Amino acid sequence: MTINEIQDEIIDEFGFFDDWMDKYEYLISLGKDLPLIDEKYKDEQHLIKGCQSRVWLHAGSELDKVNFTADSDAIITKGIIALLIRVLSGQPSGDVAHADLYFVDKIGLHEHLSPTRSNGLRSMVKQMKLYGLAMAAQNEQKHG
């Protein structure tokens, strides 16, 4: 599936819920299903700067596809990073670097997060796109 197809799927899923308490519960359940990051990546180097809670993000690549794993010590934040990973992981690095993550606004996530969580969300997206950019550049060097 493409990044936009996955985003559209998420928009549909969040459309089933009428109020934000239900959406938060859904976010929390997504966080619980997040595959765990290898403990060796839970260090300062993989900590996302700009998040109120602690979020660790690791990116690997295979055949020009970026694969993300992450963890957080906050349940809502863990759900948010789980959504971002669902959209961006397994996608070509160039697509990750230039993704327009419109689902965030369409499901109302920005407007229902505290300012500090909203900043954290921006930091997570920025870090994931930077990984995509770096990996796209590496692939460009390898394959000329």
Protein backbone atom coordinates (compact mmCIF):
# COMPACT_ATOMS: atom_id res chain seq x y z
CA MET A 1 0.00 0.00 0.00
CA THR A 2 1.13 3.55 -0.65
CA ILE A 3 1.52 6.19 2.04
CA ASN A 4 -1.70 7.89 0.91
CA GLU A 5 -3.68 4.63 0.83
CA ILE A 6 -2.64 3.91 4.41
CA GLN A 7 -3.52 7.47 5.47
CA ASP A 8 -6.97 7.13 3.89
CA GLU A 9 -7.46 3.85 5.77
CA ILE A 10 -6.59 5.56 9.08
CA ILE A 11 -8.98 8.45 8.31
CA ASP A 12 -11.75 5.89 7.73
CA GLU A 13 -10.95 4.06 10.98
CA PHE A 14 -11.03 7.26 13.03
CA GLY A 15 -14.31 8.19 11.33
CA PHE A 16 -16.02 5.32 13.20
CA PHE A 17 -15.58 7.19 16.49
CA ASP A 18 -17.86 10.08 17.37
CA ASP A 19 -16.01 11.54 20.31
CA TRP A 20 -12.40 12.09 21.16
CA MET A 21 -12.38 9.88 24.26
CA ASP A 22 -13.05 6.91 21.97
CA LYS A 23 -10.35 8.10 19.56
CA TYR A 24 -7.86 8.38 22.45
CA GLU A 25 -8.74 4.84 23.53
CA TYR A 26 -8.13 3.66 19.96
CA LEU A 27 -4.77 5.50 19.91
CA ILE A 28 -3.79 3.83 23.19
CA SER A 29 -4.70 0.39 21.79
CA LEU A 30 -2.55 1.07 18.71
CA GLY A 31 0.35 1.94 21.01
CA LYS A 32 -0.08 -1.35 22.87
CA ASP A 33 0.27 -3.21 19.57
CA LEU A 34 3.44 -1.35 18.57
CA PRO A 35 6.26 -3.86 17.95
CA LEU A 36 8.91 -3.19 20.55
CA ILE A 37 12.13 -1.45 19.66
CA ASP A 38 15.30 -3.38 20.40
CA GLU A 39 16.52 -2.33 23.87
CA LYS A 40 19.91 -1.31 22.45
CA TYR A 41 18.19 1.58 20.62
CA LYS A 42 16.65 2.98 23.79
CA ASP A 43 19.53 5.38 24.25
CA GLU A 44 20.24 9.12 23.93
CA GLN A 45 21.17 8.81 20.25
CA HIS A 46 17.70 7.48 19.34
CA LEU A 47 15.73 9.78 21.63
CA ILE A 48 13.63 12.32 19.70
CA LYS A 49 14.42 15.85 20.78
CA GLY A 50 11.46 18.16 21.30
CA CYS A 51 9.09 15.63 22.81
CA GLN A 52 7.78 16.12 26.32
CA SER A 53 7.70 12.38 26.89
CA ARG A 54 10.55 10.10 25.97
CA VAL A 55 10.29 8.65 22.44
CA TRP A 56 12.94 6.42 20.94
CA LEU A 57 12.99 5.92 17.19
CA HIS A 58 15.18 3.62 15.12
CA ALA A 59 15.28 3.44 11.35
CA GLY A 60 16.79 0.69 9.26
CA SER A 61 16.59 0.14 5.55
CA GLU A 62 16.19 -2.81 3.27
CA LEU A 63 16.00 -2.52 -0.52
CA ASP A 64 15.46 1.27 -0.27
CA LYS A 65 12.53 0.79 2.09
CA VAL A 66 12.71 2.47 5.50
CA ASN A 67 11.71 0.33 8.48
CA PHE A 68 10.97 2.08 11.75
CA THR A 69 10.69 0.78 15.29
CA ALA A 70 9.92 2.95 18.29
CA ASP A 71 8.82 3.12 21.90
CA SER A 72 7.63 5.78 24.29
CA ASP A 73 7.09 6.05 28.02
CA ALA A 74 3.70 7.78 27.47
CA ILE A 75 0.67 5.82 26.26
CA ILE A 76 -0.85 8.49 23.99
CA THR A 77 2.54 9.30 22.47
CA LYS A 78 3.13 5.61 21.88
CA GLY A 79 -0.15 5.50 19.94
CA ILE A 80 0.86 8.52 17.87
CA ILE A 81 4.24 7.05 16.91
CA ALA A 82 2.45 3.75 16.13
CA LEU A 83 0.27 5.63 13.61
CA LEU A 84 3.29 7.33 12.05
CA ILE A 85 5.12 4.01 11.76
CA ARG A 86 2.08 2.39 10.19
CA VAL A 87 2.05 5.10 7.51
CA LEU A 88 5.79 5.44 6.85
CA SER A 89 7.47 2.13 7.69
CA GLY A 90 8.15 -0.14 4.73
CA GLN A 91 7.94 2.76 2.28
CA PRO A 92 10.65 3.94 -0.16
CA SER A 93 13.04 6.40 1.51
CA GLY A 94 12.27 9.21 -0.96
CA ASP A 95 8.54 8.82 -0.30
CA VAL A 96 9.14 8.98 3.46
CA ALA A 97 11.27 12.12 3.08
CA HIS A 98 8.61 13.94 1.06
CA ALA A 99 5.40 12.53 2.54
CA ASP A 100 2.47 14.87 3.05
CA LEU A 101 0.97 13.49 6.25
CA TYR A 102 -2.51 14.92 5.76
CA PHE A 103 -4.17 12.29 7.95
CA VAL A 104 -2.96 14.11 11.09
CA ASP A 105 -5.25 17.07 10.36
CA LYS A 106 -8.06 15.01 8.80
CA ILE A 107 -8.54 12.93 11.98
CA GLY A 108 -8.26 16.07 14.13
CA LEU A 109 -5.12 14.97 15.93
CA HIS A 110 -3.38 18.37 16.00
CA GLU A 111 -6.38 20.18 17.44
CA HIS A 112 -6.91 17.58 20.19
CA LEU A 113 -3.34 17.44 21.42
CA SER A 114 -1.84 19.71 24.03
CA PRO A 115 0.68 22.22 22.63
CA THR A 116 3.59 20.18 24.00
CA ARG A 117 2.25 16.93 22.45
CA SER A 118 1.68 18.79 19.17
CA ASN A 119 5.32 19.91 19.22
CA GLY A 120 6.33 16.33 19.94
CA LEU A 121 4.29 15.10 16.98
CA ARG A 122 6.08 17.61 14.72
CA SER A 123 9.43 16.43 16.11
CA MET A 124 8.56 12.78 15.41
CA VAL A 125 7.49 13.55 11.83
CA LYS A 126 10.61 15.68 11.26
CA GLN A 127 12.92 12.93 12.55
CA MET A 128 11.25 10.25 10.41
CA LYS A 129 11.50 12.43 7.30
CA LEU A 130 15.17 13.16 8.06
CA TYR A 131 15.86 9.41 8.24
CA GLY A 132 14.09 9.03 4.87
CA LEU A 133 16.15 11.87 3.38
CA ALA A 134 19.43 10.42 4.69
CA MET A 135 18.62 6.96 3.38
CA ALA A 136 17.54 8.32 -0.02
CA ALA A 137 20.88 10.16 -0.25
CA GLN A 138 22.77 6.98 0.69
CA ASN A 139 20.92 5.00 -1.98
CA GLU A 140 21.63 7.73 -4.53
CA GLN A 141 25.38 7.45 -3.75
CA LYS A 142 25.31 3.65 -3.99
CA HIS A 143 23.38 3.49 -7.22
CA GLY A 144 24.59 6.75 -8.76
